[in-house]
Amino acid sequence: MGLPPGWITAPAHRFTPNQQITALGNGVVPLQALTALALSMT
């Protein structure tokens, strides 16, 4: 949702599943951020 396919999970990155989870962390994807900003301005 909001990030292109393979952003972290593409085989070319060679991340383990644990590294993928760490890289994503509790990050907010762009679509969520845009929605939050739009709602906060209404």
PDB file of N, CA and C in Angstrom:
ATOM      1  N   MET A   1       0.848  -1.171   0.000  1.00  0.00           N
ATOM      2  CA  MET A   1       0.000   0.000   0.000  1.00  0.00           C
ATOM      3  C   MET A   1       0.900   1.242   0.000  1.00  0.00           C
ATOM      4  N   GLY A   2       1.063   1.811  -1.148  1.00  0.00           N
ATOM      5  CA  GLY A   2       1.795   3.055  -1.222  1.00  0.00           C
ATOM      6  C   GLY A   2       3.262   2.944  -1.593  1.00  0.00           C
ATOM      7  N   LEU A   3       3.839   1.756  -1.520  1.00  0.00           N
ATOM      8  CA  LEU A   3       5.228   1.561  -1.931  1.00  0.00           C
ATOM      9  C   LEU A   3       5.244   0.643  -3.141  1.00  0.00           C
ATOM     10  N   PRO A   4       6.170   0.847  -4.059  1.00  0.00           N
ATOM     11  CA  PRO A   4       6.214  -0.007  -5.235  1.00  0.00           C
ATOM     12  C   PRO A   4       6.575  -1.446  -4.859  1.00  0.00           C
ATOM     13  N   PRO A   5       6.085  -2.418  -5.624  1.00  0.00           N
ATOM     14  CA  PRO A   5       6.430  -3.814  -5.347  1.00  0.00           C
ATOM     15  C   PRO A   5       7.944  -4.001  -5.342  1.00  0.00           C
ATOM     16  N   GLY A   6       8.429  -4.757  -4.378  1.00  0.00           N
ATOM     17  CA  GLY A   6       9.843  -5.040  -4.300  1.00  0.00           C
ATOM     18  C   GLY A   6      10.671  -3.963  -3.627  1.00  0.00           C
ATOM     19  N   TRP A   7      10.034  -2.953  -3.062  1.00  0.00           N
ATOM     20  CA  TRP A   7      10.744  -1.842  -2.432  1.00  0.00           C
ATOM     21  C   TRP A   7      11.815  -2.354  -1.472  1.00  0.00           C
ATOM     22  N   ILE A   8      11.472  -3.337  -0.678  1.00  0.00           N
ATOM     23  CA  ILE A   8      12.412  -3.956   0.256  1.00  0.00           C
ATOM     24  C   ILE A   8      12.598  -5.436  -0.072  1.00  0.00           C
ATOM     25  N   THR A   9      11.578  -6.042  -0.674  1.00  0.00           N
ATOM     26  CA  THR A   9      11.562  -7.497  -0.828  1.00  0.00           C
ATOM     27  C   THR A   9      12.157  -8.018  -2.128  1.00  0.00           C
ATOM     28  N   ALA A  10      12.604  -7.163  -3.015  1.00  0.00           N
ATOM     29  CA  ALA A  10      13.162  -7.618  -4.291  1.00  0.00           C
ATOM     30  C   ALA A  10      14.377  -8.513  -4.042  1.00  0.00           C
ATOM     31  N   PRO A  11      14.459  -9.641  -4.741  1.00  0.00           N
ATOM     32  CA  PRO A  11      15.591 -10.550  -4.549  1.00  0.00           C
ATOM     33  C   PRO A  11      16.948  -9.880  -4.766  1.00  0.00           C
ATOM     34  N   ALA A  12      17.001  -8.862  -5.608  1.00  0.00           N
ATOM     35  CA  ALA A  12      18.266  -8.180  -5.884  1.00  0.00           C
ATOM     36  C   ALA A  12      18.851  -7.530  -4.626  1.00  0.00           C
ATOM     37  N   HIS A  13      17.991  -7.196  -3.655  1.00  0.00           N
ATOM     38  CA  HIS A  13      18.466  -6.572  -2.410  1.00  0.00           C
ATOM     39  C   HIS A  13      19.164  -7.578  -1.505  1.00  0.00           C
ATOM     40  N   ARG A  14      18.815  -8.840  -1.664  1.00  0.00           N
ATOM     41  CA  ARG A  14      19.415  -9.930  -0.880  1.00  0.00           C
ATOM     42  C   ARG A  14      19.244  -9.743   0.622  1.00  0.00           C
ATOM     43  N   PHE A  15      18.091  -9.192   1.046  1.00  0.00           N
ATOM     44  CA  PHE A  15      17.782  -9.051   2.457  1.00  0.00           C
ATOM     45  C   PHE A  15      17.118 -10.330   2.958  1.00  0.00           C
ATOM     46  N   THR A  16      17.472 -10.738   4.159  1.00  0.00           N
ATOM     47  CA  THR A  16      16.766 -11.848   4.791  1.00  0.00           C
ATOM     48  C   THR A  16      15.399 -11.332   5.243  1.00  0.00           C
ATOM     49  N   PRO A  17      14.465 -12.246   5.553  1.00  0.00           N
ATOM     50  CA  PRO A  17      13.171 -11.762   6.064  1.00  0.00           C
ATOM     51  C   PRO A  17      13.307 -10.871   7.305  1.00  0.00           C
ATOM     52  N   ASN A  18      14.218 -11.211   8.203  1.00  0.00           N
ATOM     53  CA  ASN A  18      14.409 -10.361   9.389  1.00  0.00           C
ATOM     54  C   ASN A  18      14.949  -8.988   9.009  1.00  0.00           C
ATOM     55  N   GLN A  19      15.846  -8.925   8.045  1.00  0.00           N
ATOM     56  CA  GLN A  19      16.381  -7.632   7.592  1.00  0.00           C
ATOM     57  C   GLN A  19      15.293  -6.808   6.908  1.00  0.00           C
ATOM     58  N   GLN A  20      14.402  -7.467   6.192  1.00  0.00           N
ATOM     59  CA  GLN A  20      13.294  -6.756   5.543  1.00  0.00           C
ATOM     60  C   GLN A  20      12.399  -6.105   6.587  1.00  0.00           C
ATOM     61  N   ILE A  21      12.076  -6.850   7.635  1.00  0.00           N
ATOM     62  CA  ILE A  21      11.220  -6.311   8.692  1.00  0.00           C
ATOM     63  C   ILE A  21      11.917  -5.143   9.385  1.00  0.00           C
ATOM     64  N   THR A  22      13.206  -5.286   9.642  1.00  0.00           N
ATOM     65  CA  THR A  22      13.970  -4.215  10.280  1.00  0.00           C
ATOM     66  C   THR A  22      14.003  -2.970   9.390  1.00  0.00           C
ATOM     67  N   ALA A  23      14.219  -3.167   8.093  1.00  0.00           N
ATOM     68  CA  ALA A  23      14.292  -2.031   7.164  1.00  0.00           C
ATOM     69  C   ALA A  23      12.968  -1.280   7.101  1.00  0.00           C
ATOM     70  N   LEU A  24      11.872  -2.011   7.162  1.00  0.00           N
ATOM     71  CA  LEU A  24      10.559  -1.368   7.128  1.00  0.00           C
ATOM     72  C   LEU A  24      10.202  -0.774   8.486  1.00  0.00           C
ATOM     73  N   GLY A  25      10.617  -1.457   9.543  1.00  0.00           N
ATOM     74  CA  GLY A  25      10.366  -0.954  10.892  1.00  0.00           C
ATOM     75  C   GLY A  25       8.922  -0.544  11.084  1.00  0.00           C
ATOM     76  N   ASN A  26       8.735   0.560  11.751  1.00  0.00           N
ATOM     77  CA  ASN A  26       7.398   1.109  11.968  1.00  0.00           C
ATOM     78  C   ASN A  26       7.154   2.266  11.006  1.00  0.00           C
ATOM     79  N   GLY A  27       7.823   2.217   9.880  1.00  0.00           N
ATOM     80  CA  GLY A  27       7.738   3.304   8.909  1.00  0.00           C
ATOM     81  C   GLY A  27       6.331   3.542   8.392  1.00  0.00           C
ATOM     82  N   VAL A  28       6.078   4.773   8.061  1.00  0.00           N
ATOM     83  CA  VAL A  28       4.800   5.158   7.477  1.00  0.00           C
ATOM     84  C   VAL A  28       4.983   5.201   5.972  1.00  0.00           C
ATOM     85  N   VAL A  29       4.156   4.464   5.280  1.00  0.00           N
ATOM     86  CA  VAL A  29       4.255   4.471   3.826  1.00  0.00           C
ATOM     87  C   VAL A  29       3.671   5.773   3.285  1.00  0.00           C
ATOM     88  N   PRO A  30       4.113   6.197   2.114  1.00  0.00           N
ATOM     89  CA  PRO A  30       3.692   7.503   1.578  1.00  0.00           C
ATOM     90  C   PRO A  30       2.179   7.706   1.522  1.00  0.00           C
ATOM     91  N   LEU A  31       1.428   6.676   1.154  1.00  0.00           N
ATOM     92  CA  LEU A  31      -0.025   6.839   1.062  1.00  0.00           C
ATOM     93  C   LEU A  31      -0.634   7.116   2.434  1.00  0.00           C
ATOM     94  N   GLN A  32      -0.130   6.460   3.465  1.00  0.00           N
ATOM     95  CA  GLN A  32      -0.625   6.716   4.817  1.00  0.00           C
ATOM     96  C   GLN A  32      -0.273   8.137   5.252  1.00  0.00           C
ATOM     97  N   ALA A  33       0.925   8.568   4.954  1.00  0.00           N
ATOM     98  CA  ALA A  33       1.344   9.918   5.332  1.00  0.00           C
ATOM     99  C   ALA A  33       0.491  10.968   4.633  1.00  0.00           C
ATOM    100  N   LEU A  34       0.242  10.773   3.365  1.00  0.00           N
ATOM    101  CA  LEU A  34      -0.584  11.717   2.614  1.00  0.00           C
ATOM    102  C   LEU A  34      -1.995  11.787   3.187  1.00  0.00           C
ATOM    103  N   THR A  35      -2.553  10.637   3.514  1.00  0.00           N
ATOM    104  CA  THR A  35      -3.891  10.597   4.097  1.00  0.00           C
ATOM    105  C   THR A  35      -3.916  11.304   5.443  1.00  0.00           C
ATOM    106  N   ALA A  36      -2.906  11.040   6.272  1.00  0.00           N
ATOM    107  CA  ALA A  36      -2.853  11.691   7.590  1.00  0.00           C
ATOM    108  C   ALA A  36      -2.764  13.205   7.446  1.00  0.00           C
ATOM    109  N   LEU A  37      -1.934  13.671   6.540  1.00  0.00           N
ATOM    110  CA  LEU A  37      -1.815  15.123   6.332  1.00  0.00           C
ATOM    111  C   LEU A  37      -3.122  15.723   5.824  1.00  0.00           C
ATOM    112  N   ALA A  38      -3.740  15.041   4.883  1.00  0.00           N
ATOM    113  CA  ALA A  38      -5.008  15.554   4.332  1.00  0.00           C
ATOM    114  C   ALA A  38      -6.072  15.628   5.404  1.00  0.00           C
ATOM    115  N   LEU A  39      -6.153  14.614   6.267  1.00  0.00           N
ATOM    116  CA  LEU A  39      -7.159  14.612   7.312  1.00  0.00           C
ATOM    117  C   LEU A  39      -6.866  15.662   8.387  1.00  0.00           C
ATOM    118  N   SER A  40      -5.604  15.922   8.641  1.00  0.00           N
ATOM    119  CA  SER A  40      -5.263  16.896   9.674  1.00  0.00           C
ATOM    120  C   SER A  40      -5.528  18.326   9.235  1.00  0.00           C
ATOM    121  N   MET A  41      -5.679  18.531   7.938  1.00  0.00           N
ATOM    122  CA  MET A  41      -5.887  19.893   7.424  1.00  0.00           C
ATOM    123  C   MET A  41      -7.364  20.211   7.216  1.00  0.00           C
ATOM    124  N   THR A  42      -8.234  19.272   7.549  1.00  0.00           N
ATOM    125  CA  THR A  42      -9.683  19.526   7.346  1.00  0.00           C
ATOM    126  C   THR A  42     -10.331  20.022   8.597  1.00  0.00           C
TER     127      THR A  42
END
